C-alpha atoms as a PDB file:
ATOM      1  CA  UNK A   1     152.860 355.327  58.866  1.00  0.00           C
ATOM      2  CA  UNK A   2     149.216 353.598  58.007  1.00  0.00           C
ATOM      3  CA  UNK A   3     150.883 350.633  56.274  1.00  0.00           C
ATOM      4  CA  UNK A   4     153.906 350.618  59.115  1.00  0.00           C
ATOM      5  CA  UNK A   5     150.871 349.958  61.966  1.00  0.00           C
ATOM      6  CA  UNK A   6     148.822 347.129  59.379  1.00  0.00           C
ATOM      7  CA  UNK A   7     152.037 345.715  59.444  1.00  0.00           C
ATOM      8  CA  UNK A   8     152.963 345.385  63.132  1.00  0.00           C
ATOM      9  CA  UNK A   9     149.530 344.005  63.308  1.00  0.00           C
ATOM     10  CA  UNK A  10     149.931 341.914  61.228  1.00  0.00           C
ATOM     11  CA  UNK A  11     153.404 340.764  62.389  1.00  0.00           C
ATOM     12  CA  UNK A  12     151.818 340.895  66.023  1.00  0.00           C
ATOM     13  CA  UNK A  13     148.998 338.417  64.928  1.00  0.00           C
ATOM     14  CA  UNK A  14     151.166 335.707  63.608  1.00  0.00           C
ATOM     15  CA  UNK A  15     153.777 335.684  66.842  1.00  0.00           C
ATOM     16  CA  UNK A  16     150.240 335.171  68.510  1.00  0.00           C
ATOM     17  CA  UNK A  17     149.189 332.330  66.247  1.00  0.00           C
ATOM     18  CA  UNK A  18     152.579 330.757  66.133  1.00  0.00           C
ATOM     19  CA  UNK A  19     151.820 328.756  68.654  1.00  0.00           C
ATOM     20  CA  UNK A  20     148.279 327.275  67.973  1.00  0.00           C
ATOM     21  CA  UNK A  21     150.286 326.344  63.963  1.00  0.00           C
ATOM     22  CA  UNK A  22     152.327 324.984  66.342  1.00  0.00           C
ATOM     23  CA  UNK A  23     149.950 322.594  68.596  1.00  0.00           C
ATOM     24  CA  UNK A  24     147.865 321.600  65.045  1.00  0.00           C
ATOM     25  CA  UNK A  25     151.388 320.640  62.648  1.00  0.00           C
ATOM     26  CA  UNK A  26     151.811 319.008  65.831  1.00  0.00           C
ATOM     27  CA  UNK A  27     148.710 316.219  66.473  1.00  0.00           C
ATOM     28  CA  UNK A  28     148.695 315.715  62.310  1.00  0.00           C
ATOM     29  CA  UNK A  29     152.091 314.020  62.668  1.00  0.00           C
ATOM     30  CA  UNK A  30     153.009 310.437  63.242  1.00  0.00           C
ATOM     31  CA  UNK A  31     153.374 308.977  67.278  1.00  0.00           C
ATOM     32  CA  UNK A  32     157.336 308.901  65.501  1.00  0.00           C
ATOM     33  CA  UNK A  33     157.869 312.236  63.753  1.00  0.00           C
ATOM     34  CA  UNK A  34     155.998 313.880  67.115  1.00  0.00           C
ATOM     35  CA  UNK A  35     159.012 312.874  68.786  1.00  0.00           C
ATOM     36  CA  UNK A  36     161.127 314.431  66.208  1.00  0.00           C
ATOM     37  CA  UNK A  37     162.823 317.858  65.155  1.00  0.00           C
ATOM     38  CA  UNK A  38     160.818 317.777  62.309  1.00  0.00           C
ATOM     39  CA  UNK A  39     157.918 320.697  62.255  1.00  0.00           C
ATOM     40  CA  UNK A  40     156.079 319.866  59.013  1.00  0.00           C
ATOM     41  CA  UNK A  41     154.019 316.604  59.274  1.00  0.00           C
ATOM     42  CA  UNK A  42     155.507 313.652  56.217  1.00  0.00           C
ATOM     43  CA  UNK A  43     151.519 312.594  56.470  1.00  0.00           C
ATOM     44  CA  UNK A  44     148.607 314.540  57.790  1.00  0.00           C
ATOM     45  CA  UNK A  45     147.070 312.032  60.746  1.00  0.00           C
ATOM     46  CA  UNK A  46     143.760 313.409  61.596  1.00  0.00           C
ATOM     47  CA  UNK A  47     142.497 310.699  62.790  1.00  0.00           C
ATOM     48  CA  UNK A  48     144.884 311.855  66.216  1.00  0.00           C
ATOM     49  CA  UNK A  49     141.502 313.562  67.102  1.00  0.00           C
ATOM     50  CA  UNK A  50     139.648 311.294  67.386  1.00  0.00           C
ATOM     51  CA  UNK A  51     141.847 309.169  69.137  1.00  0.00           C
ATOM     52  CA  UNK A  52     142.865 312.135  71.417  1.00  0.00           C
ATOM     53  CA  UNK A  53     138.894 312.650  71.709  1.00  0.00           C
ATOM     54  CA  UNK A  54     137.409 309.316  73.224  1.00  0.00           C
ATOM     55  CA  UNK A  55     136.732 308.181  76.226  1.00  0.00           C
ATOM     56  CA  UNK A  56     136.950 310.041  79.616  1.00  0.00           C
ATOM     57  CA  UNK A  57     137.521 312.932  77.378  1.00  0.00           C
ATOM     58  CA  UNK A  58     134.136 312.731  76.436  1.00  0.00           C
ATOM     59  CA  UNK A  59     133.038 313.034  79.743  1.00  0.00           C
ATOM     60  CA  UNK A  60     135.230 315.578  80.885  1.00  0.00           C
ATOM     61  CA  UNK A  61     133.790 317.840  77.783  1.00  0.00           C
ATOM     62  CA  UNK A  62     130.077 317.390  79.340  1.00  0.00           C
ATOM     63  CA  UNK A  63     131.374 318.119  82.437  1.00  0.00           C
ATOM     64  CA  UNK A  64     132.945 321.444  81.538  1.00  0.00           C
ATOM     65  CA  UNK A  65     130.264 322.589  79.636  1.00  0.00           C
ATOM     66  CA  UNK A  66     127.322 321.928  81.651  1.00  0.00           C
ATOM     67  CA  UNK A  67     129.358 323.805  84.474  1.00  0.00           C
ATOM     68  CA  UNK A  68     130.138 326.437  82.901  1.00  0.00           C
ATOM     69  CA  UNK A  69     126.777 326.885  80.910  1.00  0.00           C
ATOM     70  CA  UNK A  70     125.195 326.642  84.395  1.00  0.00           C
ATOM     71  CA  UNK A  71     127.685 328.963  86.321  1.00  0.00           C
ATOM     72  CA  UNK A  72     127.337 331.617  83.578  1.00  0.00           C
ATOM     73  CA  UNK A  73     123.410 331.621  83.253  1.00  0.00           C
ATOM     74  CA  UNK A  74     123.147 331.926  87.582  1.00  0.00           C
ATOM     75  CA  UNK A  75     125.926 334.441  87.250  1.00  0.00           C
ATOM     76  CA  UNK A  76     123.777 336.807  84.835  1.00  0.00           C
ATOM     77  CA  UNK A  77     120.611 335.984  86.742  1.00  0.00           C
ATOM     78  CA  UNK A  78     121.763 336.642  90.622  1.00  0.00           C
ATOM     79  CA  UNK A  79     124.231 339.822  89.541  1.00  0.00           C
ATOM     80  CA  UNK A  80     121.825 342.097  87.231  1.00  0.00           C
ATOM     81  CA  UNK A  81     119.412 342.953  89.584  1.00  0.00           C
ATOM     82  CA  UNK A  82     121.950 343.886  92.210  1.00  0.00           C
ATOM     83  CA  UNK A  83     123.928 345.688  89.353  1.00  0.00           C
ATOM     84  CA  UNK A  84     121.088 347.592  88.570  1.00  0.00           C
ATOM     85  CA  UNK A  85     120.295 348.686  92.244  1.00  0.00           C
ATOM     86  CA  UNK A  86     124.158 349.785  92.652  1.00  0.00           C
ATOM     87  CA  UNK A  87     123.771 351.747  89.678  1.00  0.00           C
ATOM     88  CA  UNK A  88     119.588 352.994  89.579  1.00  0.00           C
ATOM     89  CA  UNK A  89     118.448 353.309  93.209  1.00  0.00           C
ATOM     90  CA  UNK A  90     119.599 356.305  95.873  1.00  0.00           C
ATOM     91  CA  UNK A  91     119.221 354.402  99.232  1.00  0.00           C
ATOM     92  CA  UNK A  92     121.372 354.817 102.363  1.00  0.00           C
ATOM     93  CA  UNK A  93     124.061 352.368 102.376  1.00  0.00           C
ATOM     94  CA  UNK A  94     124.764 352.523  98.596  1.00  0.00           C
ATOM     95  CA  UNK A  95     128.560 352.942  99.017  1.00  0.00           C
ATOM     96  CA  UNK A  96     129.275 350.648 101.593  1.00  0.00           C
ATOM     97  CA  UNK A  97     127.117 347.894  99.206  1.00  0.00           C
ATOM     98  CA  UNK A  98     129.887 348.649  96.749  1.00  0.00           C
ATOM     99  CA  UNK A  99     132.951 349.086  98.877  1.00  0.00           C
ATOM    100  CA  UNK A 100     130.938 345.413 100.184  1.00  0.00           C
ATOM    101  CA  UNK A 101     131.680 344.334  96.391  1.00  0.00           C
ATOM    102  CA  UNK A 102     134.625 345.557  95.855  1.00  0.00           C
ATOM    103  CA  UNK A 103     136.332 343.681  98.855  1.00  0.00           C
ATOM    104  CA  UNK A 104     134.929 340.078  97.537  1.00  0.00           C
ATOM    105  CA  UNK A 105     136.496 340.915  94.389  1.00  0.00           C
ATOM    106  CA  UNK A 106     139.889 341.677  96.693  1.00  0.00           C
ATOM    107  CA  UNK A 107     139.064 338.213  98.724  1.00  0.00           C
ATOM    108  CA  UNK A 108     141.217 334.848  97.378  1.00  0.00           C
ATOM    109  CA  UNK A 109     139.245 332.168  97.644  1.00  0.00           C
ATOM    110  CA  UNK A 110     142.039 330.211  99.132  1.00  0.00           C
ATOM    111  CA  UNK A 111     141.294 331.705 102.857  1.00  0.00           C
ATOM    112  CA  UNK A 112     137.216 331.063 102.171  1.00  0.00           C
ATOM    113  CA  UNK A 113     138.268 327.330 101.250  1.00  0.00           C
ATOM    114  CA  UNK A 114     138.619 325.253 104.634  1.00  0.00           C
ATOM    115  CA  UNK A 115     135.592 327.004 105.947  1.00  0.00           C
ATOM    116  CA  UNK A 116     132.989 326.272 102.958  1.00  0.00           C
ATOM    117  CA  UNK A 117     134.380 323.101 102.374  1.00  0.00           C
ATOM    118  CA  UNK A 118     132.975 322.077 105.505  1.00  0.00           C
ATOM    119  CA  UNK A 119     129.623 323.481 104.740  1.00  0.00           C
ATOM    120  CA  UNK A 120     128.868 321.624 101.056  1.00  0.00           C
ATOM    121  CA  UNK A 121     130.038 318.085 102.856  1.00  0.00           C
ATOM    122  CA  UNK A 122     127.427 318.462 105.166  1.00  0.00           C
ATOM    123  CA  UNK A 123     124.961 318.916 102.293  1.00  0.00           C
ATOM    124  CA  UNK A 124     126.538 315.956 100.961  1.00  0.00           C
ATOM    125  CA  UNK A 125     127.618 317.936  97.737  1.00  0.00           C
ATOM    126  CA  UNK A 126     131.759 317.040  98.065  1.00  0.00           C
ATOM    127  CA  UNK A 127     132.146 315.242  95.043  1.00  0.00           C
ATOM    128  CA  UNK A 128     130.486 317.371  92.630  1.00  0.00           C
ATOM    129  CA  UNK A 129     130.444 320.304  90.396  1.00  0.00           C
ATOM    130  CA  UNK A 130     127.323 321.803  92.988  1.00  0.00           C
ATOM    131  CA  UNK A 131     130.024 323.609  94.764  1.00  0.00           C
ATOM    132  CA  UNK A 132     131.181 325.529  91.939  1.00  0.00           C
ATOM    133  CA  UNK A 133     127.460 325.912  90.919  1.00  0.00           C
ATOM    134  CA  UNK A 134     125.201 326.814  93.286  1.00  0.00           C
ATOM    135  CA  UNK A 135     127.362 330.284  94.573  1.00  0.00           C
ATOM    136  CA  UNK A 136     126.851 331.483  91.164  1.00  0.00           C
ATOM    137  CA  UNK A 137     122.942 332.055  92.571  1.00  0.00           C
ATOM    138  CA  UNK A 138     124.133 334.580  94.490  1.00  0.00           C
ATOM    139  CA  UNK A 139     126.441 336.713  92.327  1.00  0.00           C
ATOM    140  CA  UNK A 140     129.654 337.386  91.441  1.00  0.00           C
ATOM    141  CA  UNK A 141     131.449 340.632  93.065  1.00  0.00           C
ATOM    142  CA  UNK A 142     133.238 341.119  90.096  1.00  0.00           C
ATOM    143  CA  UNK A 143     130.362 340.619  87.420  1.00  0.00           C
ATOM    144  CA  UNK A 144     128.113 342.823  89.710  1.00  0.00           C
ATOM    145  CA  UNK A 145     130.959 345.610  89.608  1.00  0.00           C
ATOM    146  CA  UNK A 146     131.350 345.723  85.781  1.00  0.00           C
ATOM    147  CA  UNK A 147     127.532 345.224  84.727  1.00  0.00           C
ATOM    148  CA  UNK A 148     126.995 348.879  87.888  1.00  0.00           C
ATOM    149  CA  UNK A 149     130.351 350.276  86.018  1.00  0.00           C
ATOM    150  CA  UNK A 150     128.436 350.282  82.656  1.00  0.00           C
ATOM    151  CA  UNK A 151     124.622 351.143  83.899  1.00  0.00           C
ATOM    152  CA  UNK A 152     125.797 354.043  85.680  1.00  0.00           C
ATOM    153  CA  UNK A 153     126.255 355.654  81.951  1.00  0.00           C
ATOM    154  CA  UNK A 154     122.789 354.348  80.925  1.00  0.00           C
ATOM    155  CA  UNK A 155     121.075 358.105  80.925  1.00  0.00           C
ATOM    156  CA  UNK A 156     118.648 358.028  83.104  1.00  0.00           C
ATOM    157  CA  UNK A 157     116.055 359.647  80.752  1.00  0.00           C
ATOM    158  CA  UNK A 158     114.847 356.708  78.941  1.00  0.00           C
ATOM    159  CA  UNK A 159     114.369 354.914  82.617  1.00  0.00           C
ATOM    160  CA  UNK A 160     111.935 357.826  84.047  1.00  0.00           C
ATOM    161  CA  UNK A 161     110.374 358.002  80.390  1.00  0.00           C
ATOM    162  CA  UNK A 162     110.057 354.111  80.638  1.00  0.00           C
ATOM    163  CA  UNK A 163     108.077 355.032  84.288  1.00  0.00           C
ATOM    164  CA  UNK A 164     106.096 357.499  82.471  1.00  0.00           C
ATOM    165  CA  UNK A 165     104.752 354.989  79.949  1.00  0.00           C
ATOM    166  CA  UNK A 166     103.786 353.234  83.070  1.00  0.00           C
ATOM    167  CA  UNK A 167     106.587 350.744  83.511  1.00  0.00           C
ATOM    168  CA  UNK A 168     107.679 349.303  86.705  1.00  0.00           C
ATOM    169  CA  UNK A 169     110.966 348.768  87.832  1.00  0.00           C
ATOM    170  CA  UNK A 170     111.263 345.104  86.993  1.00  0.00           C
ATOM    171  CA  UNK A 171     110.069 346.018  83.318  1.00  0.00           C
ATOM    172  CA  UNK A 172     112.174 349.178  82.936  1.00  0.00           C
ATOM    173  CA  UNK A 173     114.555 346.739  83.819  1.00  0.00           C
ATOM    174  CA  UNK A 174     114.234 343.863  80.685  1.00  0.00           C
ATOM    175  CA  UNK A 175     112.954 345.999  78.387  1.00  0.00           C
ATOM    176  CA  UNK A 176     114.642 349.563  78.474  1.00  0.00           C
ATOM    177  CA  UNK A 177     117.404 348.963  80.857  1.00  0.00           C
ATOM    178  CA  UNK A 178     119.024 345.504  79.456  1.00  0.00           C
ATOM    179  CA  UNK A 179     118.691 345.686  75.822  1.00  0.00           C
ATOM    180  CA  UNK A 180     121.029 349.081  75.898  1.00  0.00           C
ATOM    181  CA  UNK A 181     123.488 346.732  78.434  1.00  0.00           C
ATOM    182  CA  UNK A 182     123.894 344.132  75.884  1.00  0.00           C
ATOM    183  CA  UNK A 183     127.815 344.379  75.398  1.00  0.00           C
ATOM    184  CA  UNK A 184     128.129 344.665  78.901  1.00  0.00           C
ATOM    185  CA  UNK A 185     126.274 341.453  79.677  1.00  0.00           C
ATOM    186  CA  UNK A 186     128.239 339.539  76.492  1.00  0.00           C
ATOM    187  CA  UNK A 187     131.579 340.596  78.645  1.00  0.00           C
ATOM    188  CA  UNK A 188     130.473 339.460  81.761  1.00  0.00           C
ATOM    189  CA  UNK A 189     129.070 336.324  80.481  1.00  0.00           C
ATOM    190  CA  UNK A 190     132.294 335.478  78.256  1.00  0.00           C
ATOM    191  CA  UNK A 191     134.226 336.466  81.678  1.00  0.00           C
ATOM    192  CA  UNK A 192     132.706 334.236  83.429  1.00  0.00           C
ATOM    193  CA  UNK A 193     132.531 330.965  80.485  1.00  0.00           C
ATOM    194  CA  UNK A 194     135.957 331.049  80.050  1.00  0.00           C
ATOM    195  CA  UNK A 195     137.014 331.362  84.320  1.00  0.00           C
ATOM    196  CA  UNK A 196     134.896 328.035  84.587  1.00  0.00           C
ATOM    197  CA  UNK A 197     135.828 326.017  81.620  1.00  0.00           C
ATOM    198  CA  UNK A 198     139.770 327.008  82.540  1.00  0.00           C
ATOM    199  CA  UNK A 199     138.938 326.309  86.570  1.00  0.00           C
ATOM    200  CA  UNK A 200     141.923 323.732  87.507  1.00  0.00           C
ATOM    201  CA  UNK A 201     141.386 324.556  91.420  1.00  0.00           C
ATOM    202  CA  UNK A 202     138.027 324.781  91.841  1.00  0.00           C
ATOM    203  CA  UNK A 203     137.255 320.762  90.466  1.00  0.00           C
ATOM    204  CA  UNK A 204     140.234 319.245  91.673  1.00  0.00           C
ATOM    205  CA  UNK A 205     139.444 320.307  95.224  1.00  0.00           C
ATOM    206  CA  UNK A 206     135.491 319.367  94.907  1.00  0.00           C
ATOM    207  CA  UNK A 207     135.640 317.118  92.516  1.00  0.00           C
ATOM    208  CA  UNK A 208     135.965 313.083  92.084  1.00  0.00           C
ATOM    209  CA  UNK A 209     137.202 311.309  88.973  1.00  0.00           C
ATOM    210  CA  UNK A 210     134.186 310.788  87.385  1.00  0.00           C
ATOM    211  CA  UNK A 211     132.953 314.564  87.408  1.00  0.00           C
ATOM    212  CA  UNK A 212     136.606 316.614  86.386  1.00  0.00           C
ATOM    213  CA  UNK A 213     136.748 318.902  83.833  1.00  0.00           C
ATOM    214  CA  UNK A 214     138.668 319.649  81.085  1.00  0.00           C
ATOM    215  CA  UNK A 215     141.234 321.591  82.790  1.00  0.00           C
ATOM    216  CA  UNK A 216     142.205 318.480  85.482  1.00  0.00           C
ATOM    217  CA  UNK A 217     141.482 316.077  82.323  1.00  0.00           C
ATOM    218  CA  UNK A 218     144.669 317.055  79.889  1.00  0.00           C
ATOM    219  CA  UNK A 219     146.780 317.267  82.570  1.00  0.00           C
ATOM    220  CA  UNK A 220     145.780 313.710  83.425  1.00  0.00           C
ATOM    221  CA  UNK A 221     145.588 312.779  79.650  1.00  0.00           C
ATOM    222  CA  UNK A 222     149.295 314.358  79.311  1.00  0.00           C
ATOM    223  CA  UNK A 223     150.262 312.233  82.329  1.00  0.00           C
ATOM    224  CA  UNK A 224     148.942 309.013  81.211  1.00  0.00           C
ATOM    225  CA  UNK A 225     150.308 309.630  77.122  1.00  0.00           C
ATOM    226  CA  UNK A 226     153.554 311.988  78.439  1.00  0.00           C
ATOM    227  CA  UNK A 227     155.367 310.570  75.185  1.00  0.00           C
ATOM    228  CA  UNK A 228     152.933 310.690  72.358  1.00  0.00           C
ATOM    229  CA  UNK A 229     153.467 314.561  71.733  1.00  0.00           C
ATOM    230  CA  UNK A 230     150.971 314.833  68.866  1.00  0.00           C
ATOM    231  CA  UNK A 231     147.621 313.175  71.300  1.00  0.00           C
ATOM    232  CA  UNK A 232     148.720 315.814  73.892  1.00  0.00           C
ATOM    233  CA  UNK A 233     149.136 318.942  71.488  1.00  0.00           C
ATOM    234  CA  UNK A 234     145.167 316.802  69.624  1.00  0.00           C
ATOM    235  CA  UNK A 235     143.293 316.857  73.238  1.00  0.00           C
ATOM    236  CA  UNK A 236     144.467 320.283  73.860  1.00  0.00           C
ATOM    237  CA  UNK A 237     143.470 321.639  70.510  1.00  0.00           C
ATOM    238  CA  UNK A 238     140.127 320.052  71.133  1.00  0.00           C
ATOM    239  CA  UNK A 239     139.974 322.103  74.523  1.00  0.00           C
ATOM    240  CA  UNK A 240     140.500 325.332  73.270  1.00  0.00           C
ATOM    241  CA  UNK A 241     138.623 324.833  70.381  1.00  0.00           C
ATOM    242  CA  UNK A 242     135.136 325.832  72.378  1.00  0.00           C
ATOM    243  CA  UNK A 243     136.873 329.039  73.474  1.00  0.00           C
ATOM    244  CA  UNK A 244     138.084 330.490  70.992  1.00  0.00           C
ATOM    245  CA  UNK A 245     134.378 329.714  69.077  1.00  0.00           C
ATOM    246  CA  UNK A 246     132.521 331.381  71.075  1.00  0.00           C
ATOM    247  CA  UNK A 247     134.923 334.551  71.544  1.00  0.00           C
ATOM    248  CA  UNK A 248     135.555 335.218  67.834  1.00  0.00           C
ATOM    249  CA  UNK A 249     131.111 334.423  67.776  1.00  0.00           C
ATOM    250  CA  UNK A 250     130.739 337.025  70.400  1.00  0.00           C
ATOM    251  CA  UNK A 251     134.108 339.029  69.147  1.00  0.00           C
ATOM    252  CA  UNK A 252     132.582 342.401  68.406  1.00  0.00           C
ATOM    253  CA  UNK A 253     129.737 343.053  71.061  1.00  0.00           C
ATOM    254  CA  UNK A 254     132.670 341.480  74.159  1.00  0.00           C
ATOM    255  CA  UNK A 255     135.200 344.241  72.469  1.00  0.00           C
ATOM    256  CA  UNK A 256     132.599 346.687  72.816  1.00  0.00           C
ATOM    257  CA  UNK A 257     131.311 345.760  76.426  1.00  0.00           C
ATOM    258  CA  UNK A 258     135.164 345.724  77.804  1.00  0.00           C
ATOM    259  CA  UNK A 259     135.478 349.526  75.738  1.00  0.00           C
ATOM    260  CA  UNK A 260     132.316 350.866  76.512  1.00  0.00           C
ATOM    261  CA  UNK A 261     132.324 350.192  80.722  1.00  0.00           C
ATOM    262  CA  UNK A 262     132.956 353.532  81.636  1.00  0.00           C
ATOM    263  CA  UNK A 263     134.306 354.194  84.987  1.00  0.00           C
ATOM    264  CA  UNK A 264     131.643 356.831  86.073  1.00  0.00           C
ATOM    265  CA  UNK A 265     130.609 356.517  90.120  1.00  0.00           C
END
């Protein structure tokens, strides 16, 4: 049974890795071989990655990095206090506030796109990525809910002991509760980073071509190099590599945060 389980896991891993292997092998082929049915490169052209990662691709990468990093930081700074208050404080209307947060998760972004676009245009911020970054400073419904569900699983005795030792509420949150919530913080941070890195709709609506992100840039690159599959695959690999690196570096704490996020009310 043990051997069969591990064999099945290896087979599934190979199935999921097969597209990445195909993309890499195609990326290092010559222009002519990439159009053939050959699956193995006759010659290895690693310079295709340099050809793909040049010009606009560099600017798109910088834009995606700035968008994803700033949004993630602002989301954490704004969402953590709200989640902590919903999980730890007992006040009138707490359940109603939680319902509002859950309702915000169910609201499609297309519903608010037109009025929000009008608001940002009056602030003269359309054409940039700021209409997508600034709202993260006011919290994210999904992140608040996920963090709240994790924080309610942490025993209150830890916070009570900190208060007995003279810690205020802010210090208790920063020094006692949040260090125990690192898995949940890592999980919501990665969710936010991945979402922003892959966001296509938001930058397409708000950003000018000079502020496009990789999600739009790769589609444009594909249209410009529609018969050069080796360059297209090289650009695609360069786009997903940062996400893969970030995930594998934080894989353990990310999975722990997802599996330990409770459903306690």
